[in-house]
PDB file of N, CA and C in Angstrom:
ATOM      1  N   MET A   1      76.450  79.720 114.511  1.00  0.00           N
ATOM      2  CA  MET A   1      77.207  80.177 113.358  1.00  0.00           C
ATOM      3  C   MET A   1      78.091  81.351 113.796  1.00  0.00           C
ATOM      4  N   PRO A   2      79.359  81.297 113.520  1.00  0.00           N
ATOM      5  CA  PRO A   2      80.262  82.386 113.887  1.00  0.00           C
ATOM      6  C   PRO A   2      79.910  83.674 113.141  1.00  0.00           C
ATOM      7  N   ILE A   3      80.269  84.808 113.761  1.00  0.00           N
ATOM      8  CA  ILE A   3      80.081  86.108 113.121  1.00  0.00           C
ATOM      9  C   ILE A   3      81.445  86.766 112.963  1.00  0.00           C
ATOM     10  N   SER A   4      81.505  87.760 112.113  1.00  0.00           N
ATOM     11  CA  SER A   4      82.770  88.472 111.898  1.00  0.00           C
ATOM     12  C   SER A   4      83.069  89.386 113.084  1.00  0.00           C
ATOM     13  N   ILE A   5      84.316  89.795 113.193  1.00  0.00           N
ATOM     14  CA  ILE A   5      84.715  90.734 114.248  1.00  0.00           C
ATOM     15  C   ILE A   5      83.965  92.048 114.085  1.00  0.00           C
ATOM     16  N   ASP A   6      83.744  92.496 112.840  1.00  0.00           N
ATOM     17  CA  ASP A   6      82.994  93.736 112.606  1.00  0.00           C
ATOM     18  C   ASP A   6      81.582  93.639 113.171  1.00  0.00           C
ATOM     19  N   GLU A   7      80.920  92.504 112.942  1.00  0.00           N
ATOM     20  CA  GLU A   7      79.566  92.317 113.487  1.00  0.00           C
ATOM     21  C   GLU A   7      79.606  92.290 115.013  1.00  0.00           C
ATOM     22  N   PHE A   8      80.608  91.630 115.558  1.00  0.00           N
ATOM     23  CA  PHE A   8      80.757  91.542 117.008  1.00  0.00           C
ATOM     24  C   PHE A   8      80.955  92.921 117.620  1.00  0.00           C
ATOM     25  N   GLN A   9      81.777  93.752 116.994  1.00  0.00           N
ATOM     26  CA  GLN A   9      82.069  95.088 117.509  1.00  0.00           C
ATOM     27  C   GLN A   9      80.838  95.987 117.525  1.00  0.00           C
ATOM     28  N   GLN A  10      79.860  95.708 116.688  1.00  0.00           N
ATOM     29  CA  GLN A  10      78.651  96.523 116.638  1.00  0.00           C
ATOM     30  C   GLN A  10      77.692  96.208 117.786  1.00  0.00           C
ATOM     31  N   GLY A  11      77.900  95.103 118.448  1.00  0.00           N
ATOM     32  CA  GLY A  11      77.040  94.719 119.566  1.00  0.00           C
ATOM     33  C   GLY A  11      77.363  95.511 120.816  1.00  0.00           C
ATOM     34  N   ASN A  12      76.444  95.498 121.763  1.00  0.00           N
ATOM     35  CA  ASN A  12      76.630  96.187 123.037  1.00  0.00           C
ATOM     36  C   ASN A  12      76.823  95.172 124.152  1.00  0.00           C
ATOM     37  N   ILE A  13      77.790  95.449 124.995  1.00  0.00           N
ATOM     38  CA  ILE A  13      78.004  94.618 126.177  1.00  0.00           C
ATOM     39  C   ILE A  13      77.306  95.307 127.330  1.00  0.00           C
ATOM     40  N   ILE A  14      76.316  94.650 127.881  1.00  0.00           N
ATOM     41  CA  ILE A  14      75.594  95.242 128.998  1.00  0.00           C
ATOM     42  C   ILE A  14      75.473  94.183 130.095  1.00  0.00           C
ATOM     43  N   ASP A  15      76.194  94.405 131.203  1.00  0.00           N
ATOM     44  CA  ASP A  15      76.090  93.489 132.333  1.00  0.00           C
ATOM     45  C   ASP A  15      74.877  93.863 133.183  1.00  0.00           C
ATOM     46  N   GLY A  16      74.643  93.137 134.252  1.00  0.00           N
ATOM     47  CA  GLY A  16      73.467  93.378 135.090  1.00  0.00           C
ATOM     48  C   GLY A  16      73.393  94.783 135.660  1.00  0.00           C
ATOM     49  N   SER A  17      74.497  95.271 136.224  1.00  0.00           N
ATOM     50  CA  SER A  17      74.504  96.617 136.809  1.00  0.00           C
ATOM     51  C   SER A  17      74.279  97.681 135.748  1.00  0.00           C
ATOM     52  N   SER A  18      74.929  97.520 134.613  1.00  0.00           N
ATOM     53  CA  SER A  18      74.779  98.492 133.527  1.00  0.00           C
ATOM     54  C   SER A  18      73.347  98.520 133.030  1.00  0.00           C
ATOM     55  N   ASN A  19      72.741  97.357 132.920  1.00  0.00           N
ATOM     56  CA  ASN A  19      71.366  97.272 132.436  1.00  0.00           C
ATOM     57  C   ASN A  19      70.400  97.966 133.390  1.00  0.00           C
ATOM     58  N   ILE A  20      70.597  97.799 134.681  1.00  0.00           N
ATOM     59  CA  ILE A  20      69.731  98.433 135.682  1.00  0.00           C
ATOM     60  C   ILE A  20      69.854  99.956 135.598  1.00  0.00           C
ATOM     61  N   VAL A  21      71.092 100.451 135.518  1.00  0.00           N
ATOM     62  CA  VAL A  21      71.320 101.897 135.430  1.00  0.00           C
ATOM     63  C   VAL A  21      70.736 102.449 134.134  1.00  0.00           C
ATOM     64  N   LEU A  22      70.980 101.754 133.027  1.00  0.00           N
ATOM     65  CA  LEU A  22      70.477 102.223 131.736  1.00  0.00           C
ATOM     66  C   LEU A  22      68.946 102.241 131.717  1.00  0.00           C
ATOM     67  N   ASP A  23      68.320 101.219 132.281  1.00  0.00           N
ATOM     68  CA  ASP A  23      66.846 101.193 132.362  1.00  0.00           C
ATOM     69  C   ASP A  23      66.328 102.393 133.153  1.00  0.00           C
ATOM     70  N   PHE A  24      66.982 102.706 134.269  1.00  0.00           N
ATOM     71  CA  PHE A  24      66.582 103.847 135.091  1.00  0.00           C
ATOM     72  C   PHE A  24      66.690 105.148 134.297  1.00  0.00           C
ATOM     73  N   LEU A  25      67.829 105.354 133.635  1.00  0.00           N
ATOM     74  CA  LEU A  25      68.026 106.596 132.888  1.00  0.00           C
ATOM     75  C   LEU A  25      67.077 106.695 131.690  1.00  0.00           C
ATOM     76  N   ARG A  26      66.847 105.584 131.023  1.00  0.00           N
ATOM     77  CA  ARG A  26      65.936 105.600 129.871  1.00  0.00           C
ATOM     78  C   ARG A  26      64.491 105.854 130.295  1.00  0.00           C
ATOM     79  N   SER A  27      64.130 105.389 131.465  1.00  0.00           N
ATOM     80  CA  SER A  27      62.757 105.610 131.928  1.00  0.00           C
ATOM     81  C   SER A  27      62.557 107.040 132.428  1.00  0.00           C
ATOM     82  N   ASN A  28      63.643 107.780 132.547  1.00  0.00           N
ATOM     83  CA  ASN A  28      63.605 109.178 132.972  1.00  0.00           C
ATOM     84  C   ASN A  28      64.368 110.045 131.971  1.00  0.00           C
ATOM     85  N   ARG A  29      64.104 109.835 130.691  1.00  0.00           N
ATOM     86  CA  ARG A  29      64.855 110.500 129.619  1.00  0.00           C
ATOM     87  C   ARG A  29      64.812 112.024 129.670  1.00  0.00           C
ATOM     88  N   ASP A  30      63.784 112.577 130.289  1.00  0.00           N
ATOM     89  CA  ASP A  30      63.633 114.030 130.308  1.00  0.00           C
ATOM     90  C   ASP A  30      64.407 114.692 131.451  1.00  0.00           C
ATOM     91  N   GLN A  31      65.236 113.918 132.148  1.00  0.00           N
ATOM     92  CA  GLN A  31      65.997 114.451 133.279  1.00  0.00           C
ATOM     93  C   GLN A  31      67.427 113.918 133.243  1.00  0.00           C
ATOM     94  N   ALA A  32      68.317 114.626 133.930  1.00  0.00           N
ATOM     95  CA  ALA A  32      69.689 114.167 134.139  1.00  0.00           C
ATOM     96  C   ALA A  32      69.887 114.032 135.644  1.00  0.00           C
ATOM     97  N   PHE A  33      70.760 113.118 136.054  1.00  0.00           N
ATOM     98  CA  PHE A  33      70.907 112.771 137.467  1.00  0.00           C
ATOM     99  C   PHE A  33      72.363 112.756 137.896  1.00  0.00           C
ATOM    100  N   THR A  34      72.584 113.050 139.179  1.00  0.00           N
ATOM    101  CA  THR A  34      73.911 112.908 139.770  1.00  0.00           C
ATOM    102  C   THR A  34      74.136 111.436 140.100  1.00  0.00           C
ATOM    103  N   GLN A  35      75.376 111.132 140.419  1.00  0.00           N
ATOM    104  CA  GLN A  35      75.738 109.772 140.816  1.00  0.00           C
ATOM    105  C   GLN A  35      74.875 109.295 141.981  1.00  0.00           C
ATOM    106  N   ASP A  36      74.769 110.098 143.025  1.00  0.00           N
ATOM    107  CA  ASP A  36      73.990 109.699 144.202  1.00  0.00           C
ATOM    108  C   ASP A  36      72.524 109.483 143.863  1.00  0.00           C
ATOM    109  N   GLU A  37      71.973 110.331 143.003  1.00  0.00           N
ATOM    110  CA  GLU A  37      70.567 110.196 142.619  1.00  0.00           C
ATOM    111  C   GLU A  37      70.327 108.900 141.847  1.00  0.00           C
ATOM    112  N   ILE A  38      71.276 108.538 140.992  1.00  0.00           N
ATOM    113  CA  ILE A  38      71.134 107.291 140.234  1.00  0.00           C
ATOM    114  C   ILE A  38      71.253 106.097 141.160  1.00  0.00           C
ATOM    115  N   ILE A  39      72.261 106.116 142.027  1.00  0.00           N
ATOM    116  CA  ILE A  39      72.449 104.985 142.948  1.00  0.00           C
ATOM    117  C   ILE A  39      71.204 104.787 143.806  1.00  0.00           C
ATOM    118  N   LYS A  40      70.657 105.864 144.366  1.00  0.00           N
ATOM    119  CA  LYS A  40      69.449 105.751 145.191  1.00  0.00           C
ATOM    120  C   LYS A  40      68.214 105.435 144.354  1.00  0.00           C
ATOM    121  N   GLY A  41      68.224 105.830 143.078  1.00  0.00           N
ATOM    122  CA  GLY A  41      67.105 105.531 142.194  1.00  0.00           C
ATOM    123  C   GLY A  41      67.004 104.063 141.830  1.00  0.00           C
ATOM    124  N   VAL A  42      68.145 103.392 141.756  1.00  0.00           N
ATOM    125  CA  VAL A  42      68.130 101.965 141.402  1.00  0.00           C
ATOM    126  C   VAL A  42      68.215 101.068 142.630  1.00  0.00           C
ATOM    127  N   ASN A  43      68.605 101.647 143.771  1.00  0.00           N
ATOM    128  CA  ASN A  43      68.709 100.864 145.006  1.00  0.00           C
ATOM    129  C   ASN A  43      68.400 101.782 146.187  1.00  0.00           C
ATOM    130  N   PRO A  44      67.156 101.746 146.690  1.00  0.00           N
ATOM    131  CA  PRO A  44      66.771 102.642 147.782  1.00  0.00           C
ATOM    132  C   PRO A  44      67.609 102.473 149.059  1.00  0.00           C
ATOM    133  N   ASN A  45      68.255 101.321 149.207  1.00  0.00           N
ATOM    134  CA  ASN A  45      69.108 101.063 150.371  1.00  0.00           C
ATOM    135  C   ASN A  45      70.520 100.721 149.899  1.00  0.00           C
ATOM    136  N   PRO A  46      71.241 101.715 149.368  1.00  0.00           N
ATOM    137  CA  PRO A  46      72.559 101.424 148.798  1.00  0.00           C
ATOM    138  C   PRO A  46      73.574 100.975 149.847  1.00  0.00           C
ATOM    139  N   THR A  47      74.508 100.169 149.372  1.00  0.00           N
ATOM    140  CA  THR A  47      75.621  99.683 150.199  1.00  0.00           C
ATOM    141  C   THR A  47      76.911 100.298 149.656  1.00  0.00           C
ATOM    142  N   PRO A  48      78.022 100.141 150.356  1.00  0.00           N
ATOM    143  CA  PRO A  48      79.288 100.641 149.804  1.00  0.00           C
ATOM    144  C   PRO A  48      79.603 100.048 148.424  1.00  0.00           C
ATOM    145  N   GLU A  49      79.159  98.818 148.192  1.00  0.00           N
ATOM    146  CA  GLU A  49      79.392  98.173 146.903  1.00  0.00           C
ATOM    147  C   GLU A  49      78.593  98.842 145.788  1.00  0.00           C
ATOM    148  N   SER A  50      77.501  99.526 146.135  1.00  0.00           N
ATOM    149  CA  SER A  50      76.679 100.203 145.132  1.00  0.00           C
ATOM    150  C   SER A  50      77.512 101.214 144.346  1.00  0.00           C
ATOM    151  N   PHE A  51      78.425 101.886 145.012  1.00  0.00           N
ATOM    152  CA  PHE A  51      79.286 102.871 144.364  1.00  0.00           C
ATOM    153  C   PHE A  51      80.192 102.198 143.337  1.00  0.00           C
ATOM    154  N   ILE A  52      80.750 101.057 143.694  1.00  0.00           N
ATOM    155  CA  ILE A  52      81.632 100.315 142.788  1.00  0.00           C
ATOM    156  C   ILE A  52      80.849  99.837 141.570  1.00  0.00           C
ATOM    157  N   HIS A  53      79.656  99.316 141.803  1.00  0.00           N
ATOM    158  CA  HIS A  53      78.819  98.854 140.689  1.00  0.00           C
ATOM    159  C   HIS A  53      78.454 100.029 139.782  1.00  0.00           C
ATOM    160  N   PHE A  54      78.184 101.176 140.382  1.00  0.00           N
ATOM    161  CA  PHE A  54      77.843 102.373 139.600  1.00  0.00           C
ATOM    162  C   PHE A  54      79.011 102.759 138.690  1.00  0.00           C
ATOM    163  N   LEU A  55      80.211 102.837 139.239  1.00  0.00           N
ATOM    164  CA  LEU A  55      81.382 103.231 138.452  1.00  0.00           C
ATOM    165  C   LEU A  55      81.627 102.270 137.297  1.00  0.00           C
ATOM    166  N   SER A  56      81.487 100.992 137.578  1.00  0.00           N
ATOM    167  CA  SER A  56      81.673  99.981 136.538  1.00  0.00           C
ATOM    168  C   SER A  56      80.621 100.124 135.442  1.00  0.00           C
ATOM    169  N   ALA A  57      79.376 100.301 135.853  1.00  0.00           N
ATOM    170  CA  ALA A  57      78.282 100.436 134.888  1.00  0.00           C
ATOM    171  C   ALA A  57      78.459 101.689 134.039  1.00  0.00           C
ATOM    172  N   MET A  58      78.757 102.814 134.669  1.00  0.00           N
ATOM    173  CA  MET A  58      78.884 104.071 133.939  1.00  0.00           C
ATOM    174  C   MET A  58      80.035 104.035 132.953  1.00  0.00           C
ATOM    175  N   SER A  59      81.123 103.465 133.349  1.00  0.00           N
ATOM    176  CA  SER A  59      82.275 103.373 132.455  1.00  0.00           C
ATOM    177  C   SER A  59      81.897 102.631 131.181  1.00  0.00           C
ATOM    178  N   SER A  60      81.270 101.491 131.328  1.00  0.00           N
ATOM    179  CA  SER A  60      80.853 100.688 130.183  1.00  0.00           C
ATOM    180  C   SER A  60      79.825 101.420 129.325  1.00  0.00           C
ATOM    181  N   LEU A  61      78.833 102.022 129.956  1.00  0.00           N
ATOM    182  CA  LEU A  61      77.766 102.701 129.218  1.00  0.00           C
ATOM    183  C   LEU A  61      78.279 103.932 128.478  1.00  0.00           C
ATOM    184  N   GLN A  62      79.200 104.664 129.076  1.00  0.00           N
ATOM    185  CA  GLN A  62      79.768 105.842 128.412  1.00  0.00           C
ATOM    186  C   GLN A  62      80.636 105.434 127.220  1.00  0.00           C
ATOM    187  N   LEU A  63      81.430 104.389 127.385  1.00  0.00           N
ATOM    188  CA  LEU A  63      82.277 103.927 126.282  1.00  0.00           C
ATOM    189  C   LEU A  63      81.437 103.487 125.092  1.00  0.00           C
ATOM    190  N   GLN A  64      80.266 102.957 125.365  1.00  0.00           N
ATOM    191  CA  GLN A  64      79.384 102.496 124.296  1.00  0.00           C
ATOM    192  C   GLN A  64      78.495 103.608 123.746  1.00  0.00           C
ATOM    193  N   GLY A  65      78.595 104.796 124.330  1.00  0.00           N
ATOM    194  CA  GLY A  65      77.804 105.920 123.850  1.00  0.00           C
ATOM    195  C   GLY A  65      76.342 105.857 124.259  1.00  0.00           C
ATOM    196  N   LEU A  66      76.030 105.083 125.294  1.00  0.00           N
ATOM    197  CA  LEU A  66      74.649 104.937 125.747  1.00  0.00           C
ATOM    198  C   LEU A  66      74.278 105.941 126.826  1.00  0.00           C
ATOM    199  N   VAL A  67      75.291 106.493 127.478  1.00  0.00           N
ATOM    200  CA  VAL A  67      75.079 107.478 128.543  1.00  0.00           C
ATOM    201  C   VAL A  67      76.043 108.642 128.326  1.00  0.00           C
ATOM    202  N   GLU A  68      75.539 109.830 128.554  1.00  0.00           N
ATOM    203  CA  GLU A  68      76.339 111.047 128.423  1.00  0.00           C
ATOM    204  C   GLU A  68      76.529 111.664 129.802  1.00  0.00           C
ATOM    205  N   MET A  69      77.718 112.199 130.050  1.00  0.00           N
ATOM    206  CA  MET A  69      78.030 112.845 131.319  1.00  0.00           C
ATOM    207  C   MET A  69      78.422 114.289 131.039  1.00  0.00           C
ATOM    208  N   ARG A  70      77.932 115.197 131.885  1.00  0.00           N
ATOM    209  CA  ARG A  70      78.322 116.613 131.786  1.00  0.00           C
ATOM    210  C   ARG A  70      78.563 117.179 133.171  1.00  0.00           C
ATOM    211  N   GLU A  71      79.519 118.091 133.251  1.00  0.00           N
ATOM    212  CA  GLU A  71      79.793 118.802 134.493  1.00  0.00           C
ATOM    213  C   GLU A  71      78.918 120.052 134.512  1.00  0.00           C
ATOM    214  N   ILE A  72      78.125 120.195 135.561  1.00  0.00           N
ATOM    215  CA  ILE A  72      77.178 121.293 135.684  1.00  0.00           C
ATOM    216  C   ILE A  72      77.513 122.110 136.929  1.00  0.00           C
ATOM    217  N   SER A  73      77.533 123.441 136.788  1.00  0.00           N
ATOM    218  CA  SER A  73      77.749 124.320 137.934  1.00  0.00           C
ATOM    219  C   SER A  73      76.421 124.497 138.662  1.00  0.00           C
ATOM    220  N   THR A  74      76.442 124.229 139.963  1.00  0.00           N
ATOM    221  CA  THR A  74      75.250 124.374 140.793  1.00  0.00           C
ATOM    222  C   THR A  74      75.598 125.222 142.006  1.00  0.00           C
ATOM    223  N   ALA A  75      74.605 125.472 142.849  1.00  0.00           N
ATOM    224  CA  ALA A  75      74.842 126.231 144.078  1.00  0.00           C
ATOM    225  C   ALA A  75      75.844 125.512 144.984  1.00  0.00           C
ATOM    226  N   LYS A  76      75.915 124.184 144.879  1.00  0.00           N
ATOM    227  CA  LYS A  76      76.852 123.398 145.678  1.00  0.00           C
ATOM    228  C   LYS A  76      78.251 123.367 145.074  1.00  0.00           C
ATOM    229  N   GLY A  77      78.383 123.923 143.895  1.00  0.00           N
ATOM    230  CA  GLY A  77      79.650 123.855 143.175  1.00  0.00           C
ATOM    231  C   GLY A  77      79.443 123.077 141.888  1.00  0.00           C
ATOM    232  N   SER A  78      80.471 122.442 141.435  1.00  0.00           N
ATOM    233  CA  SER A  78      80.405 121.685 140.192  1.00  0.00           C
ATOM    234  C   SER A  78      80.006 120.232 140.486  1.00  0.00           C
ATOM    235  N   GLU A  79      79.033 119.713 139.721  1.00  0.00           N
ATOM    236  CA  GLU A  79      78.590 118.329 139.893  1.00  0.00           C
ATOM    237  C   GLU A  79      78.504 117.648 138.536  1.00  0.00           C
ATOM    238  N   LEU A  80      78.718 116.336 138.526  1.00  0.00           N
ATOM    239  CA  LEU A  80      78.580 115.557 137.314  1.00  0.00           C
ATOM    240  C   LEU A  80      77.163 115.038 137.206  1.00  0.00           C
ATOM    241  N   TYR A  81      76.574 115.203 136.041  1.00  0.00           N
ATOM    242  CA  TYR A  81      75.214 114.712 135.765  1.00  0.00           C
ATOM    243  C   TYR A  81      75.269 113.744 134.600  1.00  0.00           C
ATOM    244  N   TYR A  82      74.379 112.753 134.645  1.00  0.00           N
ATOM    245  CA  TYR A  82      74.322 111.708 133.630  1.00  0.00           C
ATOM    246  C   TYR A  82      72.918 111.614 133.052  1.00  0.00           C
ATOM    247  N   LYS A  83      72.860 111.252 131.745  1.00  0.00           N
ATOM    248  CA  LYS A  83      71.572 111.011 131.110  1.00  0.00           C
ATOM    249  C   LYS A  83      71.769 109.971 130.010  1.00  0.00           C
ATOM    250  N   ALA A  84      70.672 109.286 129.687  1.00  0.00           N
ATOM    251  CA  ALA A  84      70.709 108.334 128.585  1.00  0.00           C
ATOM    252  C   ALA A  84      70.778 109.106 127.278  1.00  0.00           C
ATOM    253  N   THR A  85      71.503 108.568 126.306  1.00  0.00           N
ATOM    254  CA  THR A  85      71.603 109.235 125.007  1.00  0.00           C
ATOM    255  C   THR A  85      70.464 108.809 124.109  1.00  0.00           C
TER     256      THR A  85
END
């Protein structure tokens, strides 16, 4: 049965990479992570493609309001941290 565009817009699009990242962040809700920490958290042996998958996943998750990003000042300088909303 078809649904209206309004009903469709309320749904979430979550591909495989996004789902893996979101599961990781949700299972660690009490912490925020850098890009490298997330990539290594979901794939202990990351490849160059892991970075591309991460960027794609984060873009989708942030647009849907499922992940929040903040710039944090650290001893290393400024870093981006992510957490599940």
